[in-house]
C-alpha atoms as a PDB file:
ATOM      1  CA  UNK A   1      10.430  10.929   4.790  1.00  0.00           C
ATOM      2  CA  UNK A   2      11.887   8.451   2.741  1.00  0.00           C
ATOM      3  CA  UNK A   3      12.450   9.874  -0.449  1.00  0.00           C
ATOM      4  CA  UNK A   4      11.690   8.205  -4.252  1.00  0.00           C
ATOM      5  CA  UNK A   5      13.428   8.657  -7.533  1.00  0.00           C
ATOM      6  CA  UNK A   6       9.720   8.322  -8.631  1.00  0.00           C
ATOM      7  CA  UNK A   7       8.869  12.388  -9.194  1.00  0.00           C
ATOM      8  CA  UNK A   8       5.097  11.515  -9.333  1.00  0.00           C
ATOM      9  CA  UNK A   9       5.090   9.383  -6.157  1.00  0.00           C
ATOM     10  CA  UNK A  10       6.646  12.436  -4.557  1.00  0.00           C
ATOM     11  CA  UNK A  11       4.903  14.940  -5.816  1.00  0.00           C
ATOM     12  CA  UNK A  12       1.449  12.966  -4.336  1.00  0.00           C
ATOM     13  CA  UNK A  13       3.601  12.431  -0.836  1.00  0.00           C
ATOM     14  CA  UNK A  14       3.936  16.230  -0.833  1.00  0.00           C
ATOM     15  CA  UNK A  15       0.600  17.420  -2.138  1.00  0.00           C
ATOM     16  CA  UNK A  16      -0.948  14.815   0.839  1.00  0.00           C
ATOM     17  CA  UNK A  17       1.199  16.658   3.734  1.00  0.00           C
ATOM     18  CA  UNK A  18      -0.096  20.376   2.658  1.00  0.00           C
ATOM     19  CA  UNK A  19      -3.416  18.613   2.855  1.00  0.00           C
ATOM     20  CA  UNK A  20      -3.345  16.854   5.837  1.00  0.00           C
ATOM     21  CA  UNK A  21      -0.988  16.475   8.080  1.00  0.00           C
ATOM     22  CA  UNK A  22      -1.560  13.139  10.235  1.00  0.00           C
ATOM     23  CA  UNK A  23      -3.048  11.415   7.201  1.00  0.00           C
ATOM     24  CA  UNK A  24       0.296  12.030   5.609  1.00  0.00           C
ATOM     25  CA  UNK A  25       2.346  10.635   8.675  1.00  0.00           C
ATOM     26  CA  UNK A  26       0.488   7.123   8.473  1.00  0.00           C
ATOM     27  CA  UNK A  27       0.967   7.433   4.480  1.00  0.00           C
ATOM     28  CA  UNK A  28       4.904   7.971   5.238  1.00  0.00           C
ATOM     29  CA  UNK A  29       4.855   5.408   7.749  1.00  0.00           C
ATOM     30  CA  UNK A  30       2.993   2.304   5.579  1.00  0.00           C
ATOM     31  CA  UNK A  31       5.550   3.097   2.923  1.00  0.00           C
ATOM     32  CA  UNK A  32       8.464   2.707   5.388  1.00  0.00           C
ATOM     33  CA  UNK A  33       6.917  -0.785   6.647  1.00  0.00           C
ATOM     34  CA  UNK A  34       6.017  -2.170   2.804  1.00  0.00           C
ATOM     35  CA  UNK A  35       9.749  -0.459   2.005  1.00  0.00           C
ATOM     36  CA  UNK A  36      11.674  -2.127   5.023  1.00  0.00           C
ATOM     37  CA  UNK A  37      10.068  -5.648   4.728  1.00  0.00           C
ATOM     38  CA  UNK A  38      10.534  -5.362   0.855  1.00  0.00           C
ATOM     39  CA  UNK A  39      12.855  -3.417  -0.154  1.00  0.00           C
ATOM     40  CA  UNK A  40      13.158  -4.493  -3.891  1.00  0.00           C
ATOM     41  CA  UNK A  41       9.470  -2.861  -3.985  1.00  0.00           C
ATOM     42  CA  UNK A  42       8.286  -0.598  -7.191  1.00  0.00           C
ATOM     43  CA  UNK A  43       5.718   2.053  -6.846  1.00  0.00           C
ATOM     44  CA  UNK A  44       3.320   3.682  -8.628  1.00  0.00           C
ATOM     45  CA  UNK A  45       0.700   6.142  -8.906  1.00  0.00           C
ATOM     46  CA  UNK A  46      -2.518   4.462 -10.121  1.00  0.00           C
ATOM     47  CA  UNK A  47      -6.236   4.659  -9.032  1.00  0.00           C
ATOM     48  CA  UNK A  48      -5.659   7.389  -7.236  1.00  0.00           C
ATOM     49  CA  UNK A  49      -3.296   6.172  -5.047  1.00  0.00           C
ATOM     50  CA  UNK A  50       0.146   4.842  -4.406  1.00  0.00           C
ATOM     51  CA  UNK A  51       0.400   1.120  -5.682  1.00  0.00           C
ATOM     52  CA  UNK A  52       3.553  -1.325  -4.809  1.00  0.00           C
ATOM     53  CA  UNK A  53       4.751  -3.995  -7.342  1.00  0.00           C
ATOM     54  CA  UNK A  54       6.958  -6.888  -7.058  1.00  0.00           C
ATOM     55  CA  UNK A  55       8.699  -7.970 -10.152  1.00  0.00           C
ATOM     56  CA  UNK A  56       5.652  -7.011 -11.603  1.00  0.00           C
ATOM     57  CA  UNK A  57       2.674  -7.609 -10.087  1.00  0.00           C
ATOM     58  CA  UNK A  58       1.015  -5.249  -8.171  1.00  0.00           C
ATOM     59  CA  UNK A  59       0.613  -6.562  -4.365  1.00  0.00           C
ATOM     60  CA  UNK A  60      -0.957  -3.350  -2.399  1.00  0.00           C
ATOM     61  CA  UNK A  61      -1.847  -0.371  -2.758  1.00  0.00           C
ATOM     62  CA  UNK A  62      -2.374   2.796  -0.706  1.00  0.00           C
ATOM     63  CA  UNK A  63      -5.280   5.208  -0.817  1.00  0.00           C
ATOM     64  CA  UNK A  64      -6.809   8.434   0.880  1.00  0.00           C
ATOM     65  CA  UNK A  65     -10.144   8.891   1.911  1.00  0.00           C
ATOM     66  CA  UNK A  66     -11.367  11.705   4.015  1.00  0.00           C
ATOM     67  CA  UNK A  67     -11.630  10.041   7.329  1.00  0.00           C
ATOM     68  CA  UNK A  68      -8.372   7.386   6.681  1.00  0.00           C
ATOM     69  CA  UNK A  69      -5.856   5.489   4.851  1.00  0.00           C
ATOM     70  CA  UNK A  70      -6.708   2.709   3.095  1.00  0.00           C
ATOM     71  CA  UNK A  71      -4.417  -0.505   2.597  1.00  0.00           C
ATOM     72  CA  UNK A  72      -4.976  -2.766  -0.054  1.00  0.00           C
ATOM     73  CA  UNK A  73      -4.333  -6.322  -0.306  1.00  0.00           C
ATOM     74  CA  UNK A  74      -4.815  -8.037  -3.875  1.00  0.00           C
ATOM     75  CA  UNK A  75      -4.214 -11.626  -2.341  1.00  0.00           C
ATOM     76  CA  UNK A  76      -5.919 -10.307   1.011  1.00  0.00           C
ATOM     77  CA  UNK A  77      -8.378 -13.382   0.665  1.00  0.00           C
ATOM     78  CA  UNK A  78      -5.276 -15.746   1.048  1.00  0.00           C
ATOM     79  CA  UNK A  79      -4.280 -13.689   4.730  1.00  0.00           C
ATOM     80  CA  UNK A  80      -4.506 -15.117   8.061  1.00  0.00           C
ATOM     81  CA  UNK A  81      -6.676 -12.724   9.692  1.00  0.00           C
ATOM     82  CA  UNK A  82      -6.929 -13.758  13.953  1.00  0.00           C
ATOM     83  CA  UNK A  83      -8.601 -11.015  15.063  1.00  0.00           C
ATOM     84  CA  UNK A  84     -11.038 -10.322  11.962  1.00  0.00           C
ATOM     85  CA  UNK A  85      -9.040  -7.116  11.337  1.00  0.00           C
ATOM     86  CA  UNK A  86      -9.839  -7.270   7.126  1.00  0.00           C
ATOM     87  CA  UNK A  87     -12.635  -5.870   5.525  1.00  0.00           C
ATOM     88  CA  UNK A  88     -13.363  -5.980   2.468  1.00  0.00           C
ATOM     89  CA  UNK A  89     -16.093  -8.742   0.272  1.00  0.00           C
ATOM     90  CA  UNK A  90     -14.866  -9.275  -3.034  1.00  0.00           C
ATOM     91  CA  UNK A  91     -13.372 -11.978  -4.777  1.00  0.00           C
ATOM     92  CA  UNK A  92      -9.534 -11.260  -3.895  1.00  0.00           C
ATOM     93  CA  UNK A  93      -8.950  -8.009  -2.382  1.00  0.00           C
ATOM     94  CA  UNK A  94      -9.029  -7.081   1.372  1.00  0.00           C
ATOM     95  CA  UNK A  95      -8.141  -3.868   2.964  1.00  0.00           C
ATOM     96  CA  UNK A  96      -6.810  -2.231   6.378  1.00  0.00           C
ATOM     97  CA  UNK A  97      -8.788   1.790   7.191  1.00  0.00           C
ATOM     98  CA  UNK A  98      -5.808   3.078   9.352  1.00  0.00           C
ATOM     99  CA  UNK A  99      -6.919   6.410  10.860  1.00  0.00           C
ATOM    100  CA  UNK A 100      -4.098   7.173  13.047  1.00  0.00           C
ATOM    101  CA  UNK A 101      -0.850   6.188  13.684  1.00  0.00           C
ATOM    102  CA  UNK A 102      -1.986   3.850  16.934  1.00  0.00           C
ATOM    103  CA  UNK A 103      -4.052   2.612  14.284  1.00  0.00           C
ATOM    104  CA  UNK A 104      -0.851   0.952  12.162  1.00  0.00           C
ATOM    105  CA  UNK A 105       0.011  -0.706  15.781  1.00  0.00           C
ATOM    106  CA  UNK A 106      -3.208  -1.345  16.600  1.00  0.00           C
ATOM    107  CA  UNK A 107      -3.947  -3.369  13.649  1.00  0.00           C
ATOM    108  CA  UNK A 108      -0.267  -5.021  13.303  1.00  0.00           C
ATOM    109  CA  UNK A 109      -0.301  -3.655  10.071  1.00  0.00           C
ATOM    110  CA  UNK A 110       3.600  -5.319   9.474  1.00  0.00           C
ATOM    111  CA  UNK A 111       1.625  -8.764   9.853  1.00  0.00           C
ATOM    112  CA  UNK A 112      -0.272  -8.419   6.836  1.00  0.00           C
ATOM    113  CA  UNK A 113       2.256  -6.691   5.046  1.00  0.00           C
ATOM    114  CA  UNK A 114       4.457  -9.642   5.042  1.00  0.00           C
ATOM    115  CA  UNK A 115       2.420 -11.500   3.998  1.00  0.00           C
ATOM    116  CA  UNK A 116       1.244  -9.459   0.994  1.00  0.00           C
ATOM    117  CA  UNK A 117       4.024 -11.297  -1.126  1.00  0.00           C
END
C-alpha cells in the first residue's frame, strides 16, 4: 500500500482494510492509478471519503458504499465516455461504481482519470 503523510488518510485506509479487504484493495489500486498519473495530487478526507486536489482544485473522490467503491469526477460531464460507463445526471459530476479489481480494468478507470484534470 502506498503510504501517505496524511495521518487521517492513512487511518481511513487502515480502517477500511479491517472492515472489507476486497474494497480496500480496490481503493488502494484506484489511489495508485491517480498518483501514478498525477504525482503532485493532494488528498484529504472529506464528505466521508478521500478527495483529490490538484492546485487546490478538487477533481475526484473515492467513496465507499455497501456494495462498491464510487469514483467521482468533479467535471465528469466534460469527459469522453464512448461506452457510456459513467453514471450520474447532475450538472457536473459523474461517477463509476467499482465492485472488484476486475472492474478497474473493465471500466477503463485510467482512461477516465487521465481526463479528470
